[in-house]
């Protein structure tokens, strides 16, 4: 990924967005520290929300009081 400082990014915004449209990711930095990443939309859509749904369960005693709670809480 190419890295641009904020001033360069503002000066060449249209060119940077064209690169993103072509599939390239871009990093934006301030004082040499990356603060943002711009990636094409189709790369973002590969995130699958809920892909682990149904793979875990909560025990029936989940809301039951914890014995000796004060001992563990430092109270």
N, C-alpha and C. Protein backbone atom coordinates (compact mmCIF):
# COMPACT_ATOMS: atom_id res chain seq x y z
N UNK A 1 0.84 -1.19 0.00
CA UNK A 1 0.00 0.00 0.00
C UNK A 1 0.88 1.24 0.00
N UNK A 2 0.51 2.19 -0.79
CA UNK A 2 1.21 3.48 -0.79
C UNK A 2 0.78 4.29 0.43
N UNK A 3 1.70 5.09 0.94
CA UNK A 3 1.42 5.94 2.10
C UNK A 3 1.57 7.40 1.69
N UNK A 4 0.60 8.21 2.10
CA UNK A 4 0.61 9.65 1.82
C UNK A 4 0.45 10.39 3.13
N UNK A 5 1.15 11.52 3.27
CA UNK A 5 0.87 12.35 4.44
C UNK A 5 -0.40 13.14 4.16
N UNK A 6 -0.93 13.77 5.15
CA UNK A 6 -2.22 14.45 5.01
C UNK A 6 -2.17 15.53 3.94
N UNK A 7 -1.10 16.29 3.89
CA UNK A 7 -0.99 17.36 2.88
C UNK A 7 -1.01 16.77 1.48
N UNK A 8 -0.23 15.69 1.25
CA UNK A 8 -0.23 15.04 -0.07
C UNK A 8 -1.61 14.49 -0.41
N UNK A 9 -2.26 13.89 0.58
CA UNK A 9 -3.58 13.31 0.34
C UNK A 9 -4.58 14.38 -0.09
N UNK A 10 -4.53 15.55 0.56
CA UNK A 10 -5.45 16.63 0.17
C UNK A 10 -5.11 17.14 -1.22
N UNK A 11 -3.82 17.27 -1.52
CA UNK A 11 -3.41 17.82 -2.82
C UNK A 11 -3.70 16.87 -3.98
N UNK A 12 -3.69 15.57 -3.72
CA UNK A 12 -3.85 14.57 -4.79
C UNK A 12 -5.04 13.65 -4.54
N UNK A 13 -6.07 14.18 -3.90
CA UNK A 13 -7.23 13.37 -3.51
C UNK A 13 -7.85 12.62 -4.68
N UNK A 14 -8.08 13.28 -5.80
CA UNK A 14 -8.72 12.63 -6.95
C UNK A 14 -7.88 11.48 -7.47
N UNK A 15 -6.57 11.68 -7.56
CA UNK A 15 -5.68 10.62 -8.04
C UNK A 15 -5.67 9.44 -7.06
N UNK A 16 -5.66 9.73 -5.77
CA UNK A 16 -5.68 8.68 -4.77
C UNK A 16 -6.98 7.88 -4.86
N UNK A 17 -8.09 8.55 -5.02
CA UNK A 17 -9.38 7.85 -5.13
C UNK A 17 -9.44 6.99 -6.38
N UNK A 18 -8.81 7.44 -7.46
CA UNK A 18 -8.75 6.61 -8.67
C UNK A 18 -7.99 5.32 -8.39
N UNK A 19 -6.88 5.44 -7.65
CA UNK A 19 -6.11 4.24 -7.29
C UNK A 19 -6.94 3.29 -6.44
N UNK A 20 -7.72 3.84 -5.53
CA UNK A 20 -8.58 3.00 -4.70
C UNK A 20 -9.63 2.31 -5.56
N UNK A 21 -10.22 3.04 -6.50
CA UNK A 21 -11.21 2.43 -7.42
C UNK A 21 -10.60 1.28 -8.21
N UNK A 22 -9.31 1.38 -8.50
CA UNK A 22 -8.62 0.33 -9.26
C UNK A 22 -8.20 -0.84 -8.39
N UNK A 23 -8.51 -0.78 -7.08
CA UNK A 23 -8.25 -1.90 -6.21
C UNK A 23 -7.09 -1.74 -5.25
N UNK A 24 -6.43 -0.61 -5.26
CA UNK A 24 -5.27 -0.41 -4.40
C UNK A 24 -5.68 0.20 -3.06
N UNK A 25 -5.11 -0.29 -1.97
CA UNK A 25 -5.34 0.32 -0.67
C UNK A 25 -4.35 1.46 -0.46
N UNK A 26 -4.75 2.45 0.31
CA UNK A 26 -3.94 3.64 0.57
C UNK A 26 -3.86 3.87 2.08
N UNK A 27 -2.68 4.27 2.55
CA UNK A 27 -2.51 4.64 3.95
C UNK A 27 -2.31 6.14 4.05
N UNK A 28 -2.91 6.76 5.06
CA UNK A 28 -2.75 8.20 5.30
C UNK A 28 -2.01 8.34 6.63
N UNK A 29 -0.97 9.18 6.63
CA UNK A 29 -0.14 9.33 7.83
C UNK A 29 -0.06 10.79 8.26
N UNK A 30 0.13 10.97 9.57
CA UNK A 30 0.40 12.29 10.14
C UNK A 30 1.72 12.17 10.90
N UNK A 31 2.67 12.99 10.55
CA UNK A 31 3.99 12.96 11.19
C UNK A 31 4.60 11.57 11.14
N UNK A 32 4.41 10.87 10.01
CA UNK A 32 4.99 9.55 9.82
C UNK A 32 4.25 8.41 10.48
N UNK A 33 3.14 8.69 11.16
CA UNK A 33 2.36 7.65 11.84
C UNK A 33 1.05 7.44 11.08
N UNK A 34 0.81 6.21 10.65
CA UNK A 34 -0.41 5.91 9.89
C UNK A 34 -1.62 6.11 10.79
N UNK A 35 -2.58 6.90 10.29
CA UNK A 35 -3.79 7.17 11.06
C UNK A 35 -5.05 6.68 10.37
N UNK A 36 -4.95 6.30 9.08
CA UNK A 36 -6.14 5.85 8.36
C UNK A 36 -5.73 4.94 7.21
N UNK A 37 -6.67 4.07 6.84
CA UNK A 37 -6.48 3.19 5.69
C UNK A 37 -7.70 3.33 4.81
N UNK A 38 -7.50 3.53 3.54
CA UNK A 38 -8.60 3.61 2.58
C UNK A 38 -8.50 2.39 1.69
N UNK A 39 -9.56 1.58 1.65
CA UNK A 39 -9.56 0.37 0.84
C UNK A 39 -10.79 0.38 -0.06
N UNK A 40 -10.72 -0.32 -1.18
CA UNK A 40 -11.86 -0.38 -2.08
C UNK A 40 -13.07 -1.02 -1.40
N UNK A 41 -14.25 -0.63 -1.78
CA UNK A 41 -15.49 -1.11 -1.18
C UNK A 41 -15.61 -2.63 -1.24
N UNK A 42 -15.27 -3.26 -2.34
CA UNK A 42 -15.44 -4.70 -2.45
C UNK A 42 -14.58 -5.45 -1.44
N UNK A 43 -13.45 -4.91 -1.03
CA UNK A 43 -12.62 -5.56 -0.02
C UNK A 43 -13.30 -5.46 1.35
N UNK A 44 -14.00 -4.38 1.59
CA UNK A 44 -14.71 -4.22 2.86
C UNK A 44 -15.88 -5.20 2.95
N UNK A 45 -16.53 -5.49 1.83
CA UNK A 45 -17.72 -6.33 1.86
C UNK A 45 -17.38 -7.79 2.11
N UNK A 46 -16.11 -8.17 2.12
CA UNK A 46 -15.75 -9.56 2.38
C UNK A 46 -15.89 -9.92 3.86
N UNK A 47 -16.15 -8.92 4.71
CA UNK A 47 -16.38 -9.18 6.11
C UNK A 47 -17.74 -9.87 6.26
N UNK A 48 -17.76 -10.98 6.95
CA UNK A 48 -19.00 -11.74 7.10
C UNK A 48 -19.49 -11.63 8.54
N UNK A 49 -20.46 -10.77 8.75
CA UNK A 49 -21.02 -10.63 10.08
C UNK A 49 -21.85 -11.86 10.43
N UNK A 50 -21.72 -12.33 11.64
CA UNK A 50 -22.51 -13.46 12.11
C UNK A 50 -22.03 -14.81 11.63
N UNK A 51 -20.81 -14.90 11.10
CA UNK A 51 -20.36 -16.17 10.55
C UNK A 51 -20.17 -17.25 11.62
N UNK A 52 -20.05 -16.86 12.88
CA UNK A 52 -19.91 -17.83 13.96
C UNK A 52 -21.20 -18.03 14.74
N UNK A 53 -22.31 -17.55 14.21
CA UNK A 53 -23.60 -17.69 14.91
C UNK A 53 -23.90 -19.16 15.13
N UNK A 54 -24.35 -19.47 16.36
CA UNK A 54 -24.72 -20.83 16.68
C UNK A 54 -23.56 -21.73 17.09
N UNK A 55 -22.35 -21.20 17.13
CA UNK A 55 -21.18 -22.02 17.47
C UNK A 55 -20.83 -21.97 18.95
N UNK A 56 -21.53 -21.17 19.71
CA UNK A 56 -21.28 -21.07 21.15
C UNK A 56 -22.61 -21.12 21.87
N UNK A 57 -22.56 -21.46 23.13
CA UNK A 57 -23.79 -21.46 23.91
C UNK A 57 -23.51 -20.89 25.29
N UNK A 58 -24.55 -20.40 25.92
CA UNK A 58 -24.45 -19.83 27.26
C UNK A 58 -25.09 -20.83 28.21
N UNK A 59 -24.38 -21.17 29.27
CA UNK A 59 -24.89 -22.14 30.23
C UNK A 59 -26.15 -21.65 30.92
N UNK A 60 -26.95 -22.62 31.40
CA UNK A 60 -28.20 -22.28 32.06
C UNK A 60 -27.98 -21.47 33.33
N UNK A 61 -26.81 -21.61 33.94
CA UNK A 61 -26.53 -20.91 35.19
C UNK A 61 -25.80 -19.58 34.96
N UNK A 62 -25.86 -19.06 33.77
CA UNK A 62 -25.13 -17.83 33.42
C UNK A 62 -25.44 -16.67 34.37
N UNK A 63 -26.69 -16.51 34.73
CA UNK A 63 -27.08 -15.38 35.59
C UNK A 63 -27.12 -15.75 37.07
N UNK A 64 -26.70 -16.95 37.41
CA UNK A 64 -26.70 -17.38 38.81
C UNK A 64 -25.65 -16.58 39.59
N UNK A 65 -25.91 -16.30 40.85
CA UNK A 65 -24.93 -15.58 41.67
C UNK A 65 -23.63 -16.38 41.79
N UNK A 66 -22.53 -15.67 41.86
CA UNK A 66 -21.23 -16.31 42.03
C UNK A 66 -20.99 -16.50 43.52
N UNK A 67 -20.72 -17.73 43.91
CA UNK A 67 -20.42 -17.98 45.31
C UNK A 67 -19.09 -17.32 45.65
N UNK A 68 -18.99 -16.82 46.87
CA UNK A 68 -17.78 -16.16 47.34
C UNK A 68 -17.39 -14.99 46.45
N UNK A 69 -18.38 -14.25 45.92
CA UNK A 69 -18.10 -13.11 45.04
C UNK A 69 -17.16 -12.10 45.68
N UNK A 70 -17.37 -11.81 46.96
CA UNK A 70 -16.53 -10.83 47.63
C UNK A 70 -15.07 -11.22 47.63
N UNK A 71 -14.80 -12.52 47.72
CA UNK A 71 -13.43 -13.00 47.71
C UNK A 71 -12.74 -12.68 46.38
N UNK A 72 -13.48 -12.76 45.27
CA UNK A 72 -12.91 -12.53 43.95
C UNK A 72 -12.91 -11.06 43.55
N UNK A 73 -13.82 -10.30 44.09
CA UNK A 73 -13.95 -8.90 43.69
C UNK A 73 -13.01 -7.98 44.45
N UNK A 74 -12.35 -8.50 45.45
CA UNK A 74 -11.44 -7.66 46.23
C UNK A 74 -12.15 -6.83 47.27
N UNK A 75 -13.46 -7.08 47.48
CA UNK A 75 -14.23 -6.31 48.46
C UNK A 75 -13.97 -6.79 49.87
